[in-house]
Amino acid sequence: MSNKLTIAIPTYNRNYELNRLIDSLSNQIDDSVNIIIYDNHSTKPVENTIIDDSFKNNSKVKIIRNANNIGGNANILKCFENCESDWIWVIGDDDLLDDKAVFTVLEAIKLYSNALLLSFSSSQHIHNETKISKNLEEFISNIKYWGHINFSSVNLFNWRVLKKHIKSGYQFGYTYSPHIALVFKELDDRN
């Protein structure tokens, strides 16, 4: 499963919303993309409620059901921990994607292949310029809205580089930003 991008979808009891996300995503899957859904022990197992059989039966799609509900942040960290591709995009189960979202992400990976984090515009926060941070201080000063940086659905992580910091993610698992701790740790090490 060594593809360029893993789209990970942590979910719990949002089966209807997940099906809406799948509708916006299903036509965008190609050979460079894997999709893994992490069912955090939903009352109705996700696998039994996905409407699109072609999506569910696609070899690029994997559904993992936790034996117990491990909490939202731990489920997000499992997305990272089990990623086998160079890049990971964690998308909220209740988010919808633009028709060209996956194409846009794959193009950004080509353009910025050495980046740690690629952050995209959302309807709540529009990026009008590209900002590149070379260290932790620059990264922090370039953040205009902290809520956006915590919103995993608009952020793409270079797992090839960041996977060595998974421990930092778990150490900050009590926050709403365990995934950002990975980036902070790498930038801090570079200082």
N, C-alpha and C. Protein backbone atom coordinates (compact mmCIF):
# COMPACT_ATOMS: atom_id res chain seq x y z
N MET A 1 0.84 -1.20 0.00
CA MET A 1 0.00 0.00 0.00
C MET A 1 0.87 1.25 0.00
N SER A 2 1.97 1.21 -0.70
CA SER A 2 2.92 2.32 -0.70
C SER A 2 2.58 3.33 -1.78
N ASN A 3 1.52 4.04 -1.63
CA ASN A 3 1.12 5.05 -2.60
C ASN A 3 1.55 6.43 -2.12
N LYS A 4 1.32 7.40 -2.95
CA LYS A 4 1.75 8.76 -2.66
C LYS A 4 0.94 9.40 -1.53
N LEU A 5 -0.37 9.11 -1.47
CA LEU A 5 -1.27 9.79 -0.54
C LEU A 5 -2.23 8.82 0.11
N THR A 6 -2.37 8.96 1.42
CA THR A 6 -3.43 8.26 2.15
C THR A 6 -4.44 9.31 2.60
N ILE A 7 -5.69 9.09 2.26
CA ILE A 7 -6.78 9.91 2.80
C ILE A 7 -7.37 9.10 3.94
N ALA A 8 -7.23 9.62 5.14
CA ALA A 8 -7.72 8.93 6.33
C ALA A 8 -8.96 9.66 6.85
N ILE A 9 -9.98 8.88 7.17
CA ILE A 9 -11.23 9.47 7.64
C ILE A 9 -11.58 8.84 9.00
N PRO A 10 -11.28 9.56 10.09
CA PRO A 10 -11.71 9.06 11.40
C PRO A 10 -13.20 9.36 11.57
N THR A 11 -13.94 8.39 12.09
CA THR A 11 -15.39 8.60 12.19
C THR A 11 -15.96 7.90 13.41
N TYR A 12 -17.05 8.47 13.92
CA TYR A 12 -17.81 7.85 15.00
C TYR A 12 -19.26 8.33 14.92
N ASN A 13 -20.16 7.39 14.69
CA ASN A 13 -21.60 7.64 14.69
C ASN A 13 -22.05 8.79 13.78
N ARG A 14 -21.36 8.95 12.67
CA ARG A 14 -21.78 9.93 11.67
C ARG A 14 -21.91 9.22 10.33
N ASN A 15 -22.64 8.14 10.33
CA ASN A 15 -22.74 7.30 9.14
C ASN A 15 -23.37 8.04 7.97
N TYR A 16 -24.38 8.83 8.22
CA TYR A 16 -25.02 9.61 7.15
C TYR A 16 -24.03 10.62 6.57
N GLU A 17 -23.36 11.37 7.46
CA GLU A 17 -22.39 12.37 7.02
C GLU A 17 -21.24 11.72 6.25
N LEU A 18 -20.80 10.55 6.73
CA LEU A 18 -19.72 9.83 6.05
C LEU A 18 -20.12 9.46 4.63
N ASN A 19 -21.36 9.04 4.44
CA ASN A 19 -21.84 8.70 3.10
C ASN A 19 -21.84 9.93 2.18
N ARG A 20 -22.14 11.09 2.73
CA ARG A 20 -22.09 12.32 1.94
C ARG A 20 -20.64 12.63 1.54
N LEU A 21 -19.70 12.44 2.47
CA LEU A 21 -18.28 12.64 2.14
C LEU A 21 -17.85 11.66 1.06
N ILE A 22 -18.24 10.41 1.20
CA ILE A 22 -17.89 9.39 0.21
C ILE A 22 -18.41 9.78 -1.17
N ASP A 23 -19.62 10.32 -1.23
CA ASP A 23 -20.18 10.78 -2.51
C ASP A 23 -19.29 11.86 -3.15
N SER A 24 -18.74 12.74 -2.31
CA SER A 24 -17.91 13.82 -2.86
C SER A 24 -16.50 13.34 -3.18
N LEU A 25 -16.13 12.16 -2.73
CA LEU A 25 -14.77 11.64 -2.88
C LEU A 25 -14.64 10.50 -3.88
N SER A 26 -15.68 9.71 -4.03
CA SER A 26 -15.58 8.44 -4.76
C SER A 26 -15.07 8.56 -6.19
N ASN A 27 -15.39 9.62 -6.90
CA ASN A 27 -14.93 9.78 -8.28
C ASN A 27 -13.53 10.35 -8.40
N GLN A 28 -12.88 10.61 -7.26
CA GLN A 28 -11.57 11.25 -7.28
C GLN A 28 -10.43 10.28 -6.95
N ILE A 29 -10.73 9.01 -6.74
CA ILE A 29 -9.72 8.04 -6.34
C ILE A 29 -8.97 7.56 -7.58
N ASP A 30 -7.64 7.57 -7.49
CA ASP A 30 -6.83 6.98 -8.56
C ASP A 30 -5.75 6.10 -7.92
N ASP A 31 -4.83 5.61 -8.73
CA ASP A 31 -3.83 4.66 -8.23
C ASP A 31 -2.85 5.23 -7.22
N SER A 32 -2.75 6.55 -7.13
CA SER A 32 -1.81 7.15 -6.19
C SER A 32 -2.44 7.43 -4.83
N VAL A 33 -3.70 7.05 -4.65
CA VAL A 33 -4.44 7.39 -3.43
C VAL A 33 -5.00 6.12 -2.77
N ASN A 34 -4.78 6.03 -1.47
CA ASN A 34 -5.45 5.02 -0.63
C ASN A 34 -6.42 5.74 0.28
N ILE A 35 -7.50 5.08 0.62
CA ILE A 35 -8.45 5.64 1.58
C ILE A 35 -8.62 4.64 2.71
N ILE A 36 -8.46 5.15 3.94
CA ILE A 36 -8.67 4.31 5.11
C ILE A 36 -9.67 5.02 6.02
N ILE A 37 -10.74 4.32 6.33
CA ILE A 37 -11.76 4.83 7.24
C ILE A 37 -11.54 4.16 8.59
N TYR A 38 -11.41 4.97 9.64
CA TYR A 38 -11.22 4.47 11.00
C TYR A 38 -12.52 4.63 11.78
N ASP A 39 -13.25 3.54 11.89
CA ASP A 39 -14.52 3.54 12.62
C ASP A 39 -14.21 3.38 14.11
N ASN A 40 -14.49 4.42 14.86
CA ASN A 40 -14.18 4.43 16.30
C ASN A 40 -15.27 3.73 17.11
N HIS A 41 -15.61 2.52 16.66
CA HIS A 41 -16.61 1.67 17.31
C HIS A 41 -18.00 2.32 17.32
N SER A 42 -18.43 2.77 16.14
CA SER A 42 -19.75 3.38 16.00
C SER A 42 -20.83 2.38 16.41
N THR A 43 -21.96 2.90 16.86
CA THR A 43 -23.09 2.05 17.26
C THR A 43 -23.50 1.13 16.12
N LYS A 44 -23.61 1.70 14.91
CA LYS A 44 -23.84 0.91 13.70
C LYS A 44 -22.51 0.88 12.94
N PRO A 45 -21.90 -0.27 12.78
CA PRO A 45 -20.61 -0.33 12.10
C PRO A 45 -20.66 0.35 10.73
N VAL A 46 -19.67 1.19 10.48
CA VAL A 46 -19.58 1.95 9.24
C VAL A 46 -19.66 1.03 8.03
N GLU A 47 -18.97 -0.08 8.07
CA GLU A 47 -18.93 -1.00 6.94
C GLU A 47 -20.33 -1.45 6.51
N ASN A 48 -21.24 -1.53 7.48
CA ASN A 48 -22.61 -1.97 7.19
C ASN A 48 -23.51 -0.86 6.69
N THR A 49 -23.04 0.39 6.75
CA THR A 49 -23.92 1.51 6.39
C THR A 49 -23.44 2.30 5.19
N ILE A 50 -22.30 1.93 4.60
CA ILE A 50 -21.85 2.63 3.39
C ILE A 50 -22.75 2.22 2.24
N ILE A 51 -23.33 3.20 1.60
CA ILE A 51 -24.31 2.96 0.54
C ILE A 51 -23.64 2.59 -0.78
N ASP A 52 -22.54 3.24 -1.10
CA ASP A 52 -21.86 3.06 -2.38
C ASP A 52 -21.03 1.77 -2.37
N ASP A 53 -21.58 0.70 -2.92
CA ASP A 53 -20.88 -0.60 -2.93
C ASP A 53 -19.59 -0.55 -3.73
N SER A 54 -19.56 0.20 -4.82
CA SER A 54 -18.33 0.28 -5.62
C SER A 54 -17.20 0.93 -4.81
N PHE A 55 -17.56 1.88 -3.95
CA PHE A 55 -16.56 2.50 -3.07
C PHE A 55 -16.08 1.49 -2.04
N LYS A 56 -17.05 0.86 -1.38
CA LYS A 56 -16.73 -0.10 -0.32
C LYS A 56 -15.90 -1.27 -0.84
N ASN A 57 -16.13 -1.69 -2.06
CA ASN A 57 -15.43 -2.83 -2.64
C ASN A 57 -14.18 -2.45 -3.43
N ASN A 58 -13.85 -1.17 -3.45
CA ASN A 58 -12.66 -0.70 -4.15
C ASN A 58 -11.42 -1.17 -3.39
N SER A 59 -10.45 -1.72 -4.09
CA SER A 59 -9.23 -2.22 -3.45
C SER A 59 -8.41 -1.11 -2.82
N LYS A 60 -8.67 0.15 -3.18
CA LYS A 60 -7.95 1.29 -2.63
C LYS A 60 -8.58 1.76 -1.31
N VAL A 61 -9.70 1.15 -0.92
CA VAL A 61 -10.42 1.55 0.29
C VAL A 61 -10.31 0.46 1.35
N LYS A 62 -9.98 0.88 2.56
CA LYS A 62 -9.87 -0.04 3.68
C LYS A 62 -10.67 0.55 4.84
N ILE A 63 -11.42 -0.30 5.52
CA ILE A 63 -12.20 0.14 6.69
C ILE A 63 -11.67 -0.61 7.90
N ILE A 64 -11.27 0.15 8.91
CA ILE A 64 -10.77 -0.44 10.16
C ILE A 64 -11.71 -0.04 11.28
N ARG A 65 -12.22 -1.02 11.99
CA ARG A 65 -13.13 -0.75 13.11
C ARG A 65 -12.39 -1.00 14.41
N ASN A 66 -12.32 0.01 15.26
CA ASN A 66 -11.68 -0.16 16.57
C ASN A 66 -12.51 -1.09 17.44
N ALA A 67 -11.85 -1.89 18.26
CA ALA A 67 -12.55 -2.80 19.17
C ALA A 67 -13.34 -2.04 20.23
N ASN A 68 -12.88 -0.84 20.53
CA ASN A 68 -13.54 0.04 21.50
C ASN A 68 -13.41 1.47 21.02
N ASN A 69 -14.25 2.36 21.57
CA ASN A 69 -14.11 3.78 21.26
C ASN A 69 -12.90 4.30 22.03
N ILE A 70 -11.90 4.77 21.31
CA ILE A 70 -10.66 5.21 21.95
C ILE A 70 -10.57 6.73 22.07
N GLY A 71 -11.63 7.43 21.70
CA GLY A 71 -11.64 8.89 21.76
C GLY A 71 -11.23 9.46 20.41
N GLY A 72 -11.69 10.66 20.16
CA GLY A 72 -11.47 11.30 18.86
C GLY A 72 -10.00 11.54 18.54
N ASN A 73 -9.25 12.12 19.47
CA ASN A 73 -7.85 12.43 19.19
C ASN A 73 -7.02 11.17 18.99
N ALA A 74 -7.27 10.14 19.77
CA ALA A 74 -6.54 8.88 19.60
C ALA A 74 -6.88 8.26 18.25
N ASN A 75 -8.13 8.38 17.82
CA ASN A 75 -8.52 7.84 16.51
C ASN A 75 -7.81 8.61 15.38
N ILE A 76 -7.66 9.91 15.55
CA ILE A 76 -6.92 10.70 14.57
C ILE A 76 -5.46 10.26 14.53
N LEU A 77 -4.87 10.04 15.70
CA LEU A 77 -3.47 9.61 15.74
C LEU A 77 -3.29 8.22 15.14
N LYS A 78 -4.29 7.35 15.26
CA LYS A 78 -4.22 6.04 14.60
C LYS A 78 -4.12 6.21 13.09
N CYS A 79 -4.79 7.22 12.56
CA CYS A 79 -4.69 7.51 11.13
C CYS A 79 -3.23 7.71 10.74
N PHE A 80 -2.54 8.49 11.53
CA PHE A 80 -1.13 8.76 11.25
C PHE A 80 -0.28 7.51 11.48
N GLU A 81 -0.48 6.88 12.61
CA GLU A 81 0.36 5.75 12.99
C GLU A 81 0.32 4.63 11.96
N ASN A 82 -0.82 4.41 11.35
CA ASN A 82 -0.97 3.30 10.41
C ASN A 82 -0.80 3.71 8.95
N CYS A 83 -0.40 4.95 8.71
CA CYS A 83 -0.22 5.43 7.34
C CYS A 83 1.01 4.77 6.72
N GLU A 84 0.85 4.29 5.48
CA GLU A 84 1.95 3.64 4.77
C GLU A 84 2.37 4.41 3.53
N SER A 85 1.87 5.62 3.36
CA SER A 85 2.24 6.42 2.19
C SER A 85 3.12 7.59 2.64
N ASP A 86 3.61 8.34 1.68
CA ASP A 86 4.46 9.49 2.00
C ASP A 86 3.68 10.66 2.58
N TRP A 87 2.44 10.81 2.15
CA TRP A 87 1.61 11.94 2.58
C TRP A 87 0.31 11.43 3.17
N ILE A 88 -0.22 12.18 4.14
CA ILE A 88 -1.51 11.83 4.74
C ILE A 88 -2.38 13.08 4.82
N TRP A 89 -3.65 12.85 4.49
CA TRP A 89 -4.67 13.89 4.56
C TRP A 89 -5.79 13.32 5.42
N VAL A 90 -5.98 13.88 6.60
CA VAL A 90 -7.02 13.43 7.52
C VAL A 90 -8.24 14.32 7.30
N ILE A 91 -9.32 13.72 6.86
CA ILE A 91 -10.53 14.48 6.52
C ILE A 91 -11.63 14.13 7.52
N GLY A 92 -12.25 15.16 8.07
CA GLY A 92 -13.37 14.95 8.98
C GLY A 92 -14.52 14.26 8.29
N ASP A 93 -15.18 13.35 9.00
CA ASP A 93 -16.26 12.56 8.42
C ASP A 93 -17.47 13.39 8.00
N ASP A 94 -17.56 14.61 8.49
CA ASP A 94 -18.70 15.46 8.14
C ASP A 94 -18.32 16.57 7.15
N ASP A 95 -17.13 16.48 6.57
CA ASP A 95 -16.71 17.46 5.59
C ASP A 95 -17.02 16.98 4.17
N LEU A 96 -17.17 17.92 3.26
CA LEU A 96 -17.40 17.60 1.85
C LEU A 96 -16.25 18.17 1.04
N LEU A 97 -15.91 17.48 -0.04
CA LEU A 97 -14.79 17.91 -0.87
C LEU A 97 -15.26 18.52 -2.18
N ASP A 98 -14.50 19.48 -2.64
CA ASP A 98 -14.68 20.05 -3.97
C ASP A 98 -14.39 18.96 -4.99
N ASP A 99 -14.97 19.09 -6.18
CA ASP A 99 -14.80 18.09 -7.24
C ASP A 99 -13.35 17.87 -7.65
N LYS A 100 -12.51 18.85 -7.45
CA LYS A 100 -11.10 18.76 -7.86
C LYS A 100 -10.16 18.71 -6.65
N ALA A 101 -10.67 18.45 -5.48
CA ALA A 101 -9.84 18.51 -4.26
C ALA A 101 -8.65 17.56 -4.30
N VAL A 102 -8.87 16.31 -4.65
CA VAL A 102 -7.77 15.34 -4.66
C VAL A 102 -6.74 15.72 -5.72
N PHE A 103 -7.19 16.15 -6.89
CA PHE A 103 -6.28 16.61 -7.94
C PHE A 103 -5.44 17.77 -7.43
N THR A 104 -6.06 18.73 -6.77
CA THR A 104 -5.36 19.90 -6.23
C THR A 104 -4.31 19.48 -5.22
N VAL A 105 -4.66 18.55 -4.36
CA VAL A 105 -3.72 18.05 -3.34
C VAL A 105 -2.54 17.34 -3.99
N LEU A 106 -2.81 16.48 -4.96
CA LEU A 106 -1.72 15.75 -5.63
C LEU A 106 -0.79 16.70 -6.39
N GLU A 107 -1.34 17.75 -6.98
CA GLU A 107 -0.51 18.74 -7.65
C GLU A 107 0.36 19.50 -6.64
N ALA A 108 -0.20 19.81 -5.49
CA ALA A 108 0.57 20.50 -4.44
C ALA A 108 1.72 19.63 -3.93
N ILE A 109 1.48 18.33 -3.82
CA ILE A 109 2.53 17.41 -3.40
C ILE A 109 3.70 17.44 -4.39
N LYS A 110 3.38 17.48 -5.68
CA LYS A 110 4.44 17.56 -6.69
C LYS A 110 5.23 18.86 -6.56
N LEU A 111 4.51 19.94 -6.35
CA LEU A 111 5.13 21.27 -6.30
C LEU A 111 5.95 21.48 -5.03
N TYR A 112 5.46 20.97 -3.90
CA TYR A 112 6.11 21.19 -2.62
C TYR A 112 6.46 19.86 -1.95
N SER A 113 7.15 19.01 -2.66
CA SER A 113 7.41 17.64 -2.18
C SER A 113 8.24 17.58 -0.90
N ASN A 114 8.98 18.62 -0.58
CA ASN A 114 9.81 18.61 0.62
C ASN A 114 9.16 19.32 1.81
N ALA A 115 7.97 19.84 1.64
CA ALA A 115 7.28 20.53 2.73
C ALA A 115 6.88 19.54 3.83
N LEU A 116 6.70 20.04 5.03
CA LEU A 116 6.20 19.22 6.14
C LEU A 116 4.68 19.23 6.19
N LEU A 117 4.13 20.40 5.91
CA LEU A 117 2.69 20.62 6.02
C LEU A 117 2.26 21.53 4.89
N LEU A 118 1.21 21.14 4.21
CA LEU A 118 0.58 22.00 3.21
C LEU A 118 -0.81 22.32 3.73
N SER A 119 -1.11 23.60 3.83
CA SER A 119 -2.39 24.04 4.37
C SER A 119 -3.16 24.75 3.26
N PHE A 120 -4.39 24.33 3.04
CA PHE A 120 -5.20 24.83 1.94
C PHE A 120 -6.30 25.76 2.46
N SER A 121 -6.86 26.53 1.57
CA SER A 121 -7.97 27.41 1.91
C SER A 121 -9.21 26.60 2.25
N SER A 122 -10.06 27.21 3.03
CA SER A 122 -11.38 26.65 3.33
C SER A 122 -12.40 27.76 3.16
N SER A 123 -13.67 27.42 3.28
CA SER A 123 -14.69 28.47 3.15
C SER A 123 -14.61 29.48 4.29
N GLN A 124 -14.03 29.07 5.42
CA GLN A 124 -13.89 29.98 6.56
C GLN A 124 -12.60 30.80 6.52
N HIS A 125 -11.58 30.29 5.82
CA HIS A 125 -10.29 30.98 5.80
C HIS A 125 -9.65 30.82 4.43
N ILE A 126 -9.50 31.92 3.73
CA ILE A 126 -8.93 31.90 2.40
C ILE A 126 -7.46 32.31 2.47
N HIS A 127 -6.59 31.48 1.88
CA HIS A 127 -5.18 31.84 1.75
C HIS A 127 -5.02 32.63 0.45
N ASN A 128 -4.47 33.81 0.54
CA ASN A 128 -4.25 34.61 -0.66
C ASN A 128 -2.81 34.55 -1.16
N GLU A 129 -1.95 33.94 -0.36
CA GLU A 129 -0.55 33.87 -0.73
C GLU A 129 0.07 32.60 -0.17
N THR A 130 1.17 32.20 -0.77
CA THR A 130 1.91 31.05 -0.28
C THR A 130 2.94 31.54 0.73
N LYS A 131 2.94 30.92 1.89
CA LYS A 131 3.93 31.26 2.92
C LYS A 131 4.72 30.01 3.23
N ILE A 132 6.03 30.17 3.27
CA ILE A 132 6.92 29.06 3.57
C ILE A 132 7.66 29.39 4.85
N SER A 133 7.57 28.48 5.81
CA SER A 133 8.24 28.66 7.10
C SER A 133 9.41 27.70 7.17
N LYS A 134 10.56 28.21 7.56
CA LYS A 134 11.75 27.38 7.65
C LYS A 134 12.06 26.90 9.06
N ASN A 135 11.37 27.50 10.04
CA ASN A 135 11.59 27.08 11.43
C ASN A 135 10.31 27.31 12.23
N LEU A 136 10.34 26.88 13.47
CA LEU A 136 9.14 26.94 14.31
C LEU A 136 8.67 28.38 14.53
N GLU A 137 9.60 29.29 14.76
CA GLU A 137 9.22 30.69 14.99
C GLU A 137 8.51 31.28 13.78
N GLU A 138 9.03 31.03 12.58
CA GLU A 138 8.38 31.52 11.36
C GLU A 138 7.01 30.87 11.17
N PHE A 139 6.93 29.58 11.44
CA PHE A 139 5.67 28.87 11.29
C PHE A 139 4.60 29.49 12.18
N ILE A 140 4.94 29.70 13.44
CA ILE A 140 3.98 30.28 14.38
C ILE A 140 3.59 31.70 13.96
N SER A 141 4.57 32.49 13.54
CA SER A 141 4.26 33.87 13.14
C SER A 141 3.43 33.93 11.85
N ASN A 142 3.51 32.89 11.01
CA ASN A 142 2.73 32.87 9.76
C ASN A 142 1.28 32.40 9.95
N ILE A 143 0.95 31.91 11.13
CA ILE A 143 -0.42 31.44 11.37
C ILE A 143 -1.31 32.64 11.66
N LYS A 144 -2.28 32.84 10.79
CA LYS A 144 -3.21 33.96 10.96
C LYS A 144 -4.40 33.57 11.84
N TYR A 145 -4.80 32.31 11.76
CA TYR A 145 -5.98 31.84 12.49
C TYR A 145 -5.70 30.42 13.00
N TRP A 146 -5.56 30.28 14.30
CA TRP A 146 -5.18 28.99 14.88
C TRP A 146 -6.23 27.92 14.65
N GLY A 147 -7.49 28.31 14.58
CA GLY A 147 -8.54 27.33 14.32
C GLY A 147 -8.34 26.63 12.99
N HIS A 148 -7.81 27.35 12.02
CA HIS A 148 -7.57 26.77 10.70
C HIS A 148 -6.47 25.72 10.75
N ILE A 149 -5.42 26.00 11.47
CA ILE A 149 -4.30 25.06 11.54
C ILE A 149 -4.72 23.77 12.27
N ASN A 150 -5.68 23.87 13.17
CA ASN A 150 -6.18 22.69 13.88
C ASN A 150 -7.18 21.89 13.04
N PHE A 151 -7.73 22.50 12.03
CA PHE A 151 -8.75 21.89 11.18
C PHE A 151 -8.06 20.93 10.22
N SER A 152 -8.01 19.66 10.58
CA SER A 152 -7.20 18.69 9.84
C SER A 152 -7.62 18.54 8.38
N SER A 153 -8.87 18.78 8.06
CA SER A 153 -9.36 18.56 6.70
C SER A 153 -8.72 19.48 5.66
N VAL A 154 -8.08 20.56 6.08
CA VAL A 154 -7.44 21.47 5.13
C VAL A 154 -5.92 21.35 5.16
N ASN A 155 -5.40 20.38 5.91
CA ASN A 155 -3.97 20.23 6.06
C ASN A 155 -3.49 18.88 5.55
N LEU A 156 -2.37 18.92 4.89
CA LEU A 156 -1.75 17.73 4.32
C LEU A 156 -0.38 17.59 4.97
N PHE A 157 -0.09 16.39 5.47
CA PHE A 157 1.14 16.16 6.24
C PHE A 157 2.11 15.26 5.49
N ASN A 158 3.38 15.62 5.50
CA ASN A 158 4.43 14.81 4.91
C ASN A 158 4.81 13.73 5.92
N TRP A 159 4.16 12.59 5.81
CA TRP A 159 4.36 11.51 6.77
C TRP A 159 5.75 10.89 6.65
N ARG A 160 6.33 10.94 5.47
CA ARG A 160 7.67 10.41 5.26
C ARG A 160 8.65 11.06 6.24
N VAL A 161 8.48 12.35 6.50
CA VAL A 161 9.35 13.09 7.41
C VAL A 161 8.83 13.06 8.84
N LEU A 162 7.52 13.20 9.01
CA LEU A 162 6.95 13.40 10.35
C LEU A 162 6.74 12.13 11.15
N LYS A 163 6.80 10.95 10.53
CA LYS A 163 6.48 9.72 11.26
C LYS A 163 7.40 9.45 12.44
N LYS A 164 8.60 9.96 12.39
CA LYS A 164 9.52 9.75 13.52
C LYS A 164 9.05 10.49 14.78
N HIS A 165 8.05 11.36 14.65
CA HIS A 165 7.57 12.15 15.79
C HIS A 165 6.21 11.69 16.31
N ILE A 166 5.78 10.49 15.96
CA ILE A 166 4.45 10.02 16.41
C ILE A 166 4.34 10.05 17.93
N LYS A 167 5.42 9.81 18.62
CA LYS A 167 5.41 9.86 20.09
C LYS A 167 4.97 11.24 20.58
N SER A 168 5.44 12.30 19.93
CA SER A 168 5.03 13.66 20.31
C SER A 168 3.53 13.85 20.11
N GLY A 169 3.00 13.26 19.05
CA GLY A 169 1.55 13.33 18.85
C GLY A 169 0.80 12.71 20.01
N TYR A 170 1.25 11.53 20.44
CA TYR A 170 0.58 10.87 21.56
C TYR A 170 0.79 11.62 22.87
N GLN A 171 1.95 12.25 23.04
CA GLN A 171 2.19 13.03 24.25
C GLN A 171 1.25 14.23 24.33
N PHE A 172 0.81 14.72 23.17
CA PHE A 172 -0.12 15.84 23.14
C PHE A 172 -1.52 15.40 22.72
N GLY A 173 -1.82 14.13 22.93
CA GLY A 173 -3.12 13.57 22.57
C GLY A 173 -4.28 14.17 23.35
N TYR A 174 -4.00 14.80 24.47
CA TYR A 174 -5.06 15.42 25.27
C TYR A 174 -5.49 16.77 24.70
N THR A 175 -4.75 17.29 23.75
CA THR A 175 -5.07 18.57 23.13
C THR A 175 -5.94 18.33 21.89
N TYR A 176 -6.39 19.39 21.28
CA TYR A 176 -7.08 19.26 20.00
C TYR A 176 -6.09 19.33 18.84
N SER A 177 -4.80 19.29 19.14
CA SER A 177 -3.79 19.46 18.11
C SER A 177 -2.70 18.40 18.14
N PRO A 178 -3.00 17.14 18.39
CA PRO A 178 -1.90 16.17 18.43
C PRO A 178 -1.19 16.04 17.09
N HIS A 179 -1.91 16.27 16.00
CA HIS A 179 -1.31 16.20 14.67
C HIS A 179 -0.37 17.38 14.40
N ILE A 180 -0.64 18.53 15.00
CA ILE A 180 0.22 19.69 14.83
C ILE A 180 1.48 19.54 15.68
N ALA A 181 1.40 18.78 16.77
CA ALA A 181 2.58 18.52 17.59
C ALA A 181 3.68 17.86 16.78
N LEU A 182 3.31 17.04 15.81
CA LEU A 182 4.29 16.38 14.94
C LEU A 182 5.09 17.43 14.17
N VAL A 183 4.40 18.41 13.63
CA VAL A 183 5.04 19.48 12.86
C VAL A 183 5.91 20.34 13.77
N PHE A 184 5.38 20.71 14.93
CA PHE A 184 6.14 21.52 15.89
C PHE A 184 7.44 20.81 16.28
N LYS A 185 7.36 19.52 16.53
CA LYS A 185 8.55 18.76 16.95
C LYS A 185 9.60 18.77 15.85
N GLU A 186 9.20 18.54 14.61
CA GLU A 186 10.17 18.55 13.51
C GLU A 186 10.78 19.93 13.33
N LEU A 187 9.98 20.98 13.36
CA LEU A 187 10.50 22.33 13.20
C LEU A 187 11.41 22.70 14.37
N ASP A 188 11.05 22.29 15.57
CA ASP A 188 11.89 22.56 16.74
C ASP A 188 13.24 21.84 16.61
N ASP A 189 13.21 20.60 16.14
CA ASP A 189 14.46 19.87 15.92
C ASP A 189 15.35 20.55 14.89
N ARG A 190 14.73 21.17 13.89
CA ARG A 190 15.49 21.87 12.86
C ARG A 190 16.13 23.15 13.36
N ASN A 191 15.57 23.73 14.41
CA ASN A 191 16.16 24.95 14.97
C ASN A 191 17.52 24.63 15.55
